[in-house]
Amino acid sequence: MNVLVAFGNQVVSHALKELMAAYNGDCQIEALRPSEKLSPNRWCEFEVIITDYLTLAKIPKECFDHCKILVMDTGLEQETIVSLFLTEKISGLIPADADVNILSKAISVVRKGEMWINNATVKSLLNRSITRKVKNAAKFTEREAAIIRLVREGYRNKEIADFLNISEQTVKSHLNRVFRKLDVSSRTELLAHSKELAL
């Protein structure tokens, strides 16, 4: 298996390469020097690339279809972590304090096409999501929450007004307050946000 260690810090790259080579003899491990420029084809020769967040931007996009990318978490924000998995399509996230045994397991797991993320990060992301839903739910009055639920179900303002026995103008007023609270300007944006609202 070909593994590339590509960190912005050359000392870290070479130290990690030596550590892994001593521990895991069945891998061909190379370290990328920060100044070294690789062609997209050269990047794609590696099965697994271990990198940091800043170096990740230098990896050609086509490599994400051919290589498994493991990113070292050096204190990344939770939004960044979610974005890395969803938009950058990384294969795994390694804590900065992981030992070589964990790193070897992560390489093996992502090589098989699975994802690697530690339990502490998963729990943190889930807690953040639940906390945000609770906070969002607390923002709305009972009437606003009811209107959001009806909008989510596809009802128009007139139908909502009839259902709640209020005027259409009152529905519009409530919706405008909801828009301001969520910092959105349309029903479409409201619907995009509504999945994360606990109502």
C-alpha atoms as a PDB file:
ATOM      1  CA  MET A   1       0.000   0.000   0.000  1.00  0.00           C
ATOM      2  CA  ASN A   2       1.320   3.453  -0.943  1.00  0.00           C
ATOM      3  CA  VAL A   3       0.873   6.135   1.712  1.00  0.00           C
ATOM      4  CA  LEU A   4       1.818   9.806   1.390  1.00  0.00           C
ATOM      5  CA  VAL A   5       2.433  11.944   4.450  1.00  0.00           C
ATOM      6  CA  ALA A   6       1.882  15.544   3.348  1.00  0.00           C
ATOM      7  CA  PHE A   7       2.062  18.188   6.061  1.00  0.00           C
ATOM      8  CA  GLY A   8       2.974  21.850   5.751  1.00  0.00           C
ATOM      9  CA  ASN A   9       5.656  21.229   8.375  1.00  0.00           C
ATOM     10  CA  GLN A  10       8.498  19.152   6.914  1.00  0.00           C
ATOM     11  CA  VAL A  11       9.697  17.982  10.343  1.00  0.00           C
ATOM     12  CA  VAL A  12       6.238  16.609  11.150  1.00  0.00           C
ATOM     13  CA  SER A  13       5.959  14.903   7.743  1.00  0.00           C
ATOM     14  CA  HIS A  14       9.314  13.151   8.028  1.00  0.00           C
ATOM     15  CA  ALA A  15       8.893  12.250  11.708  1.00  0.00           C
ATOM     16  CA  LEU A  16       5.499  10.696  11.019  1.00  0.00           C
ATOM     17  CA  LYS A  17       6.896   8.851   8.004  1.00  0.00           C
ATOM     18  CA  GLU A  18       9.737   7.359  10.062  1.00  0.00           C
ATOM     19  CA  LEU A  19       7.429   6.450  12.917  1.00  0.00           C
ATOM     20  CA  MET A  20       4.979   4.695  10.594  1.00  0.00           C
ATOM     21  CA  ALA A  21       7.708   2.929   8.626  1.00  0.00           C
ATOM     22  CA  ALA A  22       9.133   1.453  11.836  1.00  0.00           C
ATOM     23  CA  TYR A  23       5.696   0.336  12.991  1.00  0.00           C
ATOM     24  CA  ASN A  24       4.016  -0.754   9.766  1.00  0.00           C
ATOM     25  CA  GLY A  25       6.407  -2.551   7.440  1.00  0.00           C
ATOM     26  CA  ASP A  26       3.883  -3.447   4.704  1.00  0.00           C
ATOM     27  CA  CYS A  27       3.356   0.209   3.658  1.00  0.00           C
ATOM     28  CA  GLN A  28       5.371   2.186   1.138  1.00  0.00           C
ATOM     29  CA  ILE A  29       5.450   5.532   2.901  1.00  0.00           C
ATOM     30  CA  GLU A  30       6.636   8.773   1.355  1.00  0.00           C
ATOM     31  CA  ALA A  31       6.830  12.240   2.864  1.00  0.00           C
ATOM     32  CA  LEU A  32       6.123  15.328   0.796  1.00  0.00           C
ATOM     33  CA  ARG A  33       8.385  18.304   1.261  1.00  0.00           C
ATOM     34  CA  PRO A  34       6.360  21.533   1.593  1.00  0.00           C
ATOM     35  CA  SER A  35       8.088  23.091  -1.433  1.00  0.00           C
ATOM     36  CA  GLU A  36       7.636  19.990  -3.592  1.00  0.00           C
ATOM     37  CA  LYS A  37       5.057  20.273  -6.366  1.00  0.00           C
ATOM     38  CA  LEU A  38       3.368  17.035  -7.394  1.00  0.00           C
ATOM     39  CA  SER A  39       1.368  16.568 -10.572  1.00  0.00           C
ATOM     40  CA  PRO A  40      -2.253  15.415 -10.165  1.00  0.00           C
ATOM     41  CA  ASN A  41      -1.241  12.020 -11.555  1.00  0.00           C
ATOM     42  CA  ARG A  42       1.511  11.702  -8.946  1.00  0.00           C
ATOM     43  CA  TRP A  43      -0.891  12.553  -6.115  1.00  0.00           C
ATOM     44  CA  CYS A  44      -3.300   9.889  -7.414  1.00  0.00           C
ATOM     45  CA  GLU A  45      -0.621   7.167  -7.189  1.00  0.00           C
ATOM     46  CA  PHE A  46      -1.151   6.990  -3.428  1.00  0.00           C
ATOM     47  CA  GLU A  47      -3.916   4.911  -1.870  1.00  0.00           C
ATOM     48  CA  VAL A  48      -3.942   6.943   1.337  1.00  0.00           C
ATOM     49  CA  ILE A  49      -2.826  10.530   1.964  1.00  0.00           C
ATOM     50  CA  ILE A  50      -2.349  11.753   5.529  1.00  0.00           C
ATOM     51  CA  THR A  51      -2.365  15.528   5.700  1.00  0.00           C
ATOM     52  CA  ASP A  52      -3.200  18.618   7.729  1.00  0.00           C
ATOM     53  CA  TYR A  53      -5.975  21.110   7.043  1.00  0.00           C
ATOM     54  CA  LEU A  54      -3.803  23.698   5.270  1.00  0.00           C
ATOM     55  CA  THR A  55      -2.089  21.176   2.972  1.00  0.00           C
ATOM     56  CA  LEU A  56      -5.468  19.668   2.091  1.00  0.00           C
ATOM     57  CA  ALA A  57      -6.161  22.678  -0.152  1.00  0.00           C
ATOM     58  CA  LYS A  58      -3.123  21.766  -2.293  1.00  0.00           C
ATOM     59  CA  ILE A  59      -4.430  18.296  -3.125  1.00  0.00           C
ATOM     60  CA  PRO A  60      -5.964  18.261  -6.627  1.00  0.00           C
ATOM     61  CA  LYS A  61      -9.732  17.643  -6.551  1.00  0.00           C
ATOM     62  CA  GLU A  62      -9.502  14.582  -8.834  1.00  0.00           C
ATOM     63  CA  CYS A  63      -7.456  12.808  -6.153  1.00  0.00           C
ATOM     64  CA  PHE A  64     -10.475  12.635  -3.884  1.00  0.00           C
ATOM     65  CA  ASP A  65     -11.951  10.056  -6.297  1.00  0.00           C
ATOM     66  CA  HIS A  66      -8.796   7.909  -6.289  1.00  0.00           C
ATOM     67  CA  CYS A  67      -7.238   8.343  -2.847  1.00  0.00           C
ATOM     68  CA  LYS A  68      -8.418   8.041   0.722  1.00  0.00           C
ATOM     69  CA  ILE A  69      -7.661  11.290   2.552  1.00  0.00           C
ATOM     70  CA  LEU A  70      -7.007  11.308   6.311  1.00  0.00           C
ATOM     71  CA  VAL A  71      -6.810  14.748   7.928  1.00  0.00           C
ATOM     72  CA  MET A  72      -5.010  15.376  11.224  1.00  0.00           C
ATOM     73  CA  ASP A  73      -7.253  17.381  13.549  1.00  0.00           C
ATOM     74  CA  THR A  74      -5.081  20.196  14.843  1.00  0.00           C
ATOM     75  CA  GLY A  75      -7.877  21.996  16.675  1.00  0.00           C
ATOM     76  CA  LEU A  76     -10.392  22.381  13.856  1.00  0.00           C
ATOM     77  CA  GLU A  77     -13.764  24.058  14.456  1.00  0.00           C
ATOM     78  CA  GLN A  78     -16.772  21.734  14.391  1.00  0.00           C
ATOM     79  CA  GLU A  79     -18.219  23.477  11.315  1.00  0.00           C
ATOM     80  CA  THR A  80     -14.929  22.857   9.514  1.00  0.00           C
ATOM     81  CA  ILE A  81     -14.976  19.163  10.451  1.00  0.00           C
ATOM     82  CA  VAL A  82     -18.526  18.734   9.141  1.00  0.00           C
ATOM     83  CA  SER A  83     -17.601  20.596   5.958  1.00  0.00           C
ATOM     84  CA  LEU A  84     -14.550  18.387   5.407  1.00  0.00           C
ATOM     85  CA  PHE A  85     -16.667  15.253   5.463  1.00  0.00           C
ATOM     86  CA  LEU A  86     -19.535  16.663   3.403  1.00  0.00           C
ATOM     87  CA  THR A  87     -17.886  18.898   0.822  1.00  0.00           C
ATOM     88  CA  GLU A  88     -14.256  17.825   0.675  1.00  0.00           C
ATOM     89  CA  LYS A  89     -15.243  14.165   1.023  1.00  0.00           C
ATOM     90  CA  ILE A  90     -12.354  13.208   3.269  1.00  0.00           C
ATOM     91  CA  SER A  91     -12.224   9.598   4.478  1.00  0.00           C
ATOM     92  CA  GLY A  92     -11.242  10.234   8.052  1.00  0.00           C
ATOM     93  CA  LEU A  93     -10.147  12.545  10.826  1.00  0.00           C
ATOM     94  CA  ILE A  94      -7.248  11.661  13.121  1.00  0.00           C
ATOM     95  CA  PRO A  95      -6.877  13.348  16.514  1.00  0.00           C
ATOM     96  CA  ALA A  96      -3.521  15.105  16.908  1.00  0.00           C
ATOM     97  CA  ASP A  97      -2.755  12.976  19.972  1.00  0.00           C
ATOM     98  CA  ALA A  98      -3.421   9.625  18.240  1.00  0.00           C
ATOM     99  CA  ASP A  99      -0.706   7.005  18.612  1.00  0.00           C
ATOM    100  CA  VAL A 100       0.779   4.992  15.742  1.00  0.00           C
ATOM    101  CA  ASN A 101      -1.462   2.014  16.485  1.00  0.00           C
ATOM    102  CA  ILE A 102      -4.591   4.192  16.003  1.00  0.00           C
ATOM    103  CA  LEU A 103      -3.120   5.746  12.867  1.00  0.00           C
ATOM    104  CA  SER A 104      -2.441   2.283  11.400  1.00  0.00           C
ATOM    105  CA  LYS A 105      -6.010   1.204  12.169  1.00  0.00           C
ATOM    106  CA  ALA A 106      -7.351   4.377  10.553  1.00  0.00           C
ATOM    107  CA  ILE A 107      -5.302   3.737   7.401  1.00  0.00           C
ATOM    108  CA  SER A 108      -6.573   0.164   7.231  1.00  0.00           C
ATOM    109  CA  VAL A 109     -10.202   1.226   7.741  1.00  0.00           C
ATOM    110  CA  VAL A 110     -10.233   4.011   5.124  1.00  0.00           C
ATOM    111  CA  ARG A 111      -8.357   1.816   2.644  1.00  0.00           C
ATOM    112  CA  LYS A 112     -11.381  -0.541   2.753  1.00  0.00           C
ATOM    113  CA  GLY A 113     -13.664   2.363   1.846  1.00  0.00           C
ATOM    114  CA  GLU A 114     -14.977   3.050   5.351  1.00  0.00           C
ATOM    115  CA  MET A 115     -14.789   6.307   7.334  1.00  0.00           C
ATOM    116  CA  TRP A 116     -12.630   6.975  10.373  1.00  0.00           C
ATOM    117  CA  ILE A 117     -13.648   9.424  13.082  1.00  0.00           C
ATOM    118  CA  ASN A 118     -13.069   9.040  16.802  1.00  0.00           C
ATOM    119  CA  ASN A 119     -15.906   8.691  19.302  1.00  0.00           C
ATOM    120  CA  ALA A 120     -15.107  11.934  21.128  1.00  0.00           C
ATOM    121  CA  THR A 121     -15.519  13.951  17.903  1.00  0.00           C
ATOM    122  CA  VAL A 122     -18.775  12.176  17.015  1.00  0.00           C
ATOM    123  CA  LYS A 123     -20.202  12.855  20.496  1.00  0.00           C
ATOM    124  CA  SER A 124     -19.135  16.490  20.311  1.00  0.00           C
ATOM    125  CA  LEU A 125     -20.791  16.964  16.899  1.00  0.00           C
ATOM    126  CA  LEU A 126     -24.009  15.270  18.061  1.00  0.00           C
ATOM    127  CA  ASN A 127     -24.138  17.359  21.251  1.00  0.00           C
ATOM    128  CA  ARG A 128     -23.655  20.523  19.209  1.00  0.00           C
ATOM    129  CA  SER A 129     -26.499  19.556  16.879  1.00  0.00           C
ATOM    130  CA  ILE A 130     -28.881  18.757  19.752  1.00  0.00           C
ATOM    131  CA  THR A 131     -27.957  21.958  21.618  1.00  0.00           C
ATOM    132  CA  ARG A 132     -28.553  24.047  18.500  1.00  0.00           C
ATOM    133  CA  LYS A 133     -31.976  22.442  17.978  1.00  0.00           C
ATOM    134  CA  VAL A 134     -32.970  23.187  21.570  1.00  0.00           C
ATOM    135  CA  LYS A 135     -31.787  26.806  21.251  1.00  0.00           C
ATOM    136  CA  ASN A 136     -33.632  27.247  17.948  1.00  0.00           C
ATOM    137  CA  ALA A 137     -36.837  25.825  19.402  1.00  0.00           C
ATOM    138  CA  ALA A 138     -36.657  28.313  22.266  1.00  0.00           C
ATOM    139  CA  LYS A 139     -36.597  31.220  19.794  1.00  0.00           C
ATOM    140  CA  PHE A 140     -40.168  30.775  18.611  1.00  0.00           C
ATOM    141  CA  THR A 141     -43.549  31.434  20.154  1.00  0.00           C
ATOM    142  CA  GLU A 142     -46.069  28.603  20.124  1.00  0.00           C
ATOM    143  CA  ARG A 143     -47.913  30.225  17.189  1.00  0.00           C
ATOM    144  CA  GLU A 144     -44.683  30.722  15.182  1.00  0.00           C
ATOM    145  CA  ALA A 145     -43.709  27.089  15.766  1.00  0.00           C
ATOM    146  CA  ALA A 146     -47.130  25.949  14.547  1.00  0.00           C
ATOM    147  CA  ILE A 147     -46.814  28.068  11.397  1.00  0.00           C
ATOM    148  CA  ILE A 148     -43.306  26.720  10.712  1.00  0.00           C
ATOM    149  CA  ARG A 149     -44.648  23.153  11.006  1.00  0.00           C
ATOM    150  CA  LEU A 150     -47.461  23.934   8.561  1.00  0.00           C
ATOM    151  CA  VAL A 151     -45.066  25.610   6.090  1.00  0.00           C
ATOM    152  CA  ARG A 152     -42.874  22.501   6.344  1.00  0.00           C
ATOM    153  CA  GLU A 153     -45.912  20.380   5.437  1.00  0.00           C
ATOM    154  CA  GLY A 154     -46.496  22.467   2.305  1.00  0.00           C
ATOM    155  CA  TYR A 155     -49.459  24.646   3.343  1.00  0.00           C
ATOM    156  CA  ARG A 156     -49.865  28.095   1.757  1.00  0.00           C
ATOM    157  CA  ASN A 157     -50.546  31.226   3.829  1.00  0.00           C
ATOM    158  CA  LYS A 158     -54.310  31.147   3.095  1.00  0.00           C
ATOM    159  CA  GLU A 159     -54.532  27.473   4.141  1.00  0.00           C
ATOM    160  CA  ILE A 160     -52.512  28.170   7.313  1.00  0.00           C
ATOM    161  CA  ALA A 161     -54.804  31.097   8.147  1.00  0.00           C
ATOM    162  CA  ASP A 162     -57.906  28.905   7.704  1.00  0.00           C
ATOM    163  CA  PHE A 163     -56.379  26.058   9.707  1.00  0.00           C
ATOM    164  CA  LEU A 164     -55.352  28.314  12.637  1.00  0.00           C
ATOM    165  CA  ASN A 165     -58.455  30.499  12.390  1.00  0.00           C
ATOM    166  CA  ILE A 166     -56.436  33.710  11.960  1.00  0.00           C
ATOM    167  CA  SER A 167     -56.135  36.221   9.128  1.00  0.00           C
ATOM    168  CA  GLU A 168     -53.751  35.740   6.245  1.00  0.00           C
ATOM    169  CA  GLN A 169     -52.084  39.039   7.227  1.00  0.00           C
ATOM    170  CA  THR A 170     -51.394  37.626  10.710  1.00  0.00           C
ATOM    171  CA  VAL A 171     -49.753  34.561   9.122  1.00  0.00           C
ATOM    172  CA  LYS A 172     -47.544  36.890   7.068  1.00  0.00           C
ATOM    173  CA  SER A 173     -46.603  38.876  10.185  1.00  0.00           C
ATOM    174  CA  HIS A 174     -45.642  35.709  12.053  1.00  0.00           C
ATOM    175  CA  LEU A 175     -43.635  34.460   9.068  1.00  0.00           C
ATOM    176  CA  ASN A 176     -41.780  37.772   8.814  1.00  0.00           C
ATOM    177  CA  ARG A 177     -40.797  37.491  12.501  1.00  0.00           C
ATOM    178  CA  VAL A 178     -39.624  33.906  11.905  1.00  0.00           C
ATOM    179  CA  PHE A 179     -37.591  35.056   8.876  1.00  0.00           C
ATOM    180  CA  ARG A 180     -35.909  37.751  10.995  1.00  0.00           C
ATOM    181  CA  LYS A 181     -35.138  35.310  13.816  1.00  0.00           C
ATOM    182  CA  LEU A 182     -33.540  32.842  11.385  1.00  0.00           C
ATOM    183  CA  ASP A 183     -31.974  35.572   9.231  1.00  0.00           C
ATOM    184  CA  VAL A 184     -33.661  34.263   6.066  1.00  0.00           C
ATOM    185  CA  SER A 185     -35.737  36.077   3.479  1.00  0.00           C
ATOM    186  CA  SER A 186     -37.994  33.446   1.895  1.00  0.00           C
ATOM    187  CA  ARG A 187     -40.013  30.289   2.495  1.00  0.00           C
ATOM    188  CA  THR A 188     -37.406  28.346   0.526  1.00  0.00           C
ATOM    189  CA  GLU A 189     -34.645  29.446   2.914  1.00  0.00           C
ATOM    190  CA  LEU A 190     -36.945  28.740   5.857  1.00  0.00           C
ATOM    191  CA  LEU A 191     -37.482  25.188   4.567  1.00  0.00           C
ATOM    192  CA  ALA A 192     -33.729  24.729   4.174  1.00  0.00           C
ATOM    193  CA  HIS A 193     -33.263  25.671   7.858  1.00  0.00           C
ATOM    194  CA  SER A 194     -36.367  23.884   9.131  1.00  0.00           C
ATOM    195  CA  LYS A 195     -34.753  20.446   9.272  1.00  0.00           C
ATOM    196  CA  GLU A 196     -32.478  21.560  12.078  1.00  0.00           C
ATOM    197  CA  LEU A 197     -35.308  23.159  14.054  1.00  0.00           C
ATOM    198  CA  ALA A 198     -36.713  21.084  16.896  1.00  0.00           C
ATOM    199  CA  LEU A 199     -40.386  22.069  16.944  1.00  0.00           C
END
